[in-house]
Amino acid sequence: MHTALIVIDMINTYDHADAELLLPSVRETLPAVRRLVTRAREAGVEVIYVNDNFGRWRSHHDELLDTALRSPHADLVEPIRPDDDSLFVIKARHSIFYQTPLEYLLGQHGPLTSTCSKLSESVLPRGVEARQRSQEAT
């Protein structure tokens, strides 16, 4: 069984309407997410970032990362930034699977156990989506 860590919506400028409510929990949880990403990389586990495109339809992952790293809250992105081996999937809305290449990407590696990391809202719906697509999520 193939294992991957999926980091959801953590490459963020935090300049949206509810950001001020989100920032304290991001700051509190970020060290644990950083440890998880570091351990995954050290163990050779694939780290896949799935992120909104911020409504920028001509953007790509490097541009999204650069924008987040130039934002006032870059300190929340830098510790978990993708490295050269990370995979990156851009999504338009809430779902990490719907109308994204993630399902295809995961299918290329056979059965998968994934751990999802997201602070802005519950990962439960993503786990349900994964199960519906014959993926195992924790």
Protein backbone atom coordinates (compact mmCIF):
# COMPACT_ATOMS: atom_id res chain seq x y z
CA MET A 1 0.00 0.00 0.00
CA HIS A 2 1.30 3.45 -0.97
CA THR A 3 1.23 6.25 1.63
CA ALA A 4 1.04 9.99 1.02
CA LEU A 5 0.63 13.09 3.14
CA ILE A 6 -1.88 15.51 1.63
CA VAL A 7 -1.48 19.09 2.82
CA ILE A 8 -4.69 20.97 2.08
CA ASP A 9 -4.99 24.76 1.68
CA MET A 10 -1.98 25.58 3.83
CA ILE A 11 -0.27 27.70 1.16
CA ASN A 12 -2.34 30.72 2.05
CA THR A 13 -2.09 34.52 2.16
CA TYR A 14 -4.64 34.67 4.99
CA ASP A 15 -6.17 37.81 3.53
CA HIS A 16 -9.75 36.53 3.35
CA ALA A 17 -12.82 37.50 5.37
CA ASP A 18 -12.44 34.95 8.18
CA ALA A 19 -8.63 35.00 8.38
CA GLU A 20 -8.49 36.75 11.74
CA LEU A 21 -10.57 33.94 13.24
CA LEU A 22 -8.35 31.31 11.64
CA LEU A 23 -4.91 32.72 12.46
CA PRO A 24 -4.75 31.67 16.16
CA SER A 25 -5.47 28.01 15.33
CA VAL A 26 -2.99 28.06 12.44
CA ARG A 27 -0.27 29.44 14.71
CA GLU A 28 -1.06 26.83 17.38
CA THR A 29 -1.14 23.87 15.01
CA LEU A 30 1.64 24.85 12.59
CA PRO A 31 4.49 23.24 14.60
CA ALA A 32 2.70 19.87 14.48
CA VAL A 33 2.04 20.18 10.75
CA ARG A 34 5.69 21.08 10.21
CA ARG A 35 6.81 18.00 12.15
CA LEU A 36 4.43 15.84 10.13
CA VAL A 37 5.75 17.19 6.80
CA THR A 38 9.36 16.78 7.97
CA ARG A 39 8.77 13.19 9.14
CA ALA A 40 7.00 12.31 5.90
CA ARG A 41 9.89 13.65 3.83
CA GLU A 42 12.48 11.87 5.96
CA ALA A 43 10.56 8.60 5.58
CA GLY A 44 10.29 8.98 1.81
CA VAL A 45 6.52 9.50 1.97
CA GLU A 46 5.14 11.59 -0.86
CA VAL A 47 3.92 15.03 0.22
CA ILE A 48 1.12 16.36 -1.98
CA TYR A 49 -0.06 19.93 -1.59
CA VAL A 50 -3.64 20.59 -2.70
CA ASN A 51 -4.44 24.27 -2.71
CA ASP A 52 -6.92 26.88 -3.87
CA ASN A 53 -5.90 29.07 -6.76
CA PHE A 54 -7.08 32.25 -4.95
CA GLY A 55 -9.29 32.96 -7.98
CA ARG A 56 -6.20 33.48 -10.13
CA TRP A 57 -6.97 31.33 -13.14
CA ARG A 58 -3.66 31.89 -14.92
CA SER A 59 -1.59 30.99 -11.90
CA HIS A 60 0.64 28.00 -11.24
CA HIS A 61 2.01 26.53 -8.03
CA ASP A 62 5.20 28.61 -7.95
CA GLU A 63 3.19 31.81 -8.33
CA LEU A 64 0.79 30.77 -5.56
CA LEU A 65 3.70 29.97 -3.26
CA ASP A 66 5.50 33.24 -4.08
CA THR A 67 2.31 35.22 -3.39
CA ALA A 68 1.85 33.52 -0.02
CA LEU A 69 5.53 34.03 0.89
CA ARG A 70 5.22 37.77 0.14
CA SER A 71 2.09 38.13 2.28
CA PRO A 72 2.04 39.52 5.84
CA HIS A 73 1.61 35.96 7.12
CA ALA A 74 4.51 34.35 5.26
CA ASP A 75 5.70 32.99 8.62
CA LEU A 76 2.75 30.54 8.45
CA VAL A 77 3.79 29.24 5.03
CA GLU A 78 7.58 29.17 5.12
CA PRO A 79 7.91 26.31 7.67
CA ILE A 80 5.81 23.96 5.52
CA ARG A 81 6.60 25.20 2.02
CA PRO A 82 6.77 22.56 -0.72
CA ASP A 83 10.22 21.31 -1.60
CA ASP A 84 11.48 20.20 -5.02
CA ASP A 85 10.11 16.68 -4.51
CA SER A 86 6.61 17.77 -3.45
CA LEU A 87 3.66 17.36 -5.76
CA PHE A 88 1.17 20.21 -6.13
CA VAL A 89 -2.46 20.11 -7.23
CA ILE A 90 -4.42 23.31 -7.76
CA LYS A 91 -8.15 23.23 -7.00
CA ALA A 92 -10.79 25.81 -7.75
CA ARG A 93 -13.14 25.30 -4.81
CA HIS A 94 -13.54 23.28 -1.63
CA SER A 95 -13.15 19.71 -2.87
CA ILE A 96 -9.70 18.22 -3.19
CA PHE A 97 -11.07 15.65 -5.68
CA TYR A 98 -13.87 17.31 -7.67
CA GLN A 99 -12.54 18.60 -10.98
CA THR A 100 -8.90 18.20 -9.90
CA PRO A 101 -6.25 15.74 -11.10
CA LEU A 102 -5.72 14.40 -7.55
CA GLU A 103 -7.76 11.24 -8.00
CA TYR A 104 -5.84 10.41 -11.18
CA LEU A 105 -2.52 11.18 -9.47
CA LEU A 106 -3.31 8.94 -6.52
CA GLY A 107 -4.50 6.18 -8.84
CA GLN A 108 -1.10 6.14 -10.55
CA HIS A 109 0.45 4.74 -7.38
CA GLY A 110 -2.06 2.01 -6.60
CA PRO A 111 -3.98 1.72 -3.32
CA LEU A 112 -3.26 4.62 -1.03
CA THR A 113 -3.37 5.45 2.64
CA SER A 114 -3.34 9.20 3.08
CA THR A 115 -3.14 11.58 5.99
CA CYS A 116 -4.76 14.95 5.40
CA SER A 117 -3.64 18.14 7.08
CA LYS A 118 -5.90 21.18 6.93
CA LEU A 119 -6.61 23.87 9.47
CA SER A 120 -9.23 26.07 7.88
CA GLU A 121 -12.06 23.55 8.07
CA SER A 122 -12.67 19.93 8.94
CA VAL A 123 -10.86 17.27 6.94
CA LEU A 124 -13.79 14.91 7.52
CA PRO A 125 -15.46 15.72 4.18
CA ARG A 126 -12.14 15.00 2.42
CA GLY A 127 -11.95 11.62 4.14
CA VAL A 128 -15.47 10.81 3.00
CA GLU A 129 -14.53 11.84 -0.55
CA ALA A 130 -11.43 9.64 -0.40
CA ARG A 131 -13.44 6.61 0.73
CA GLN A 132 -15.99 7.21 -2.04
CA ARG A 133 -13.09 7.01 -4.48
CA SER A 134 -11.71 3.76 -3.01
CA GLN A 135 -8.87 5.55 -1.23
CA GLU A 136 -8.07 5.09 2.43
CA ALA A 137 -7.75 8.25 4.50
CA THR A 138 -6.66 8.88 8.08
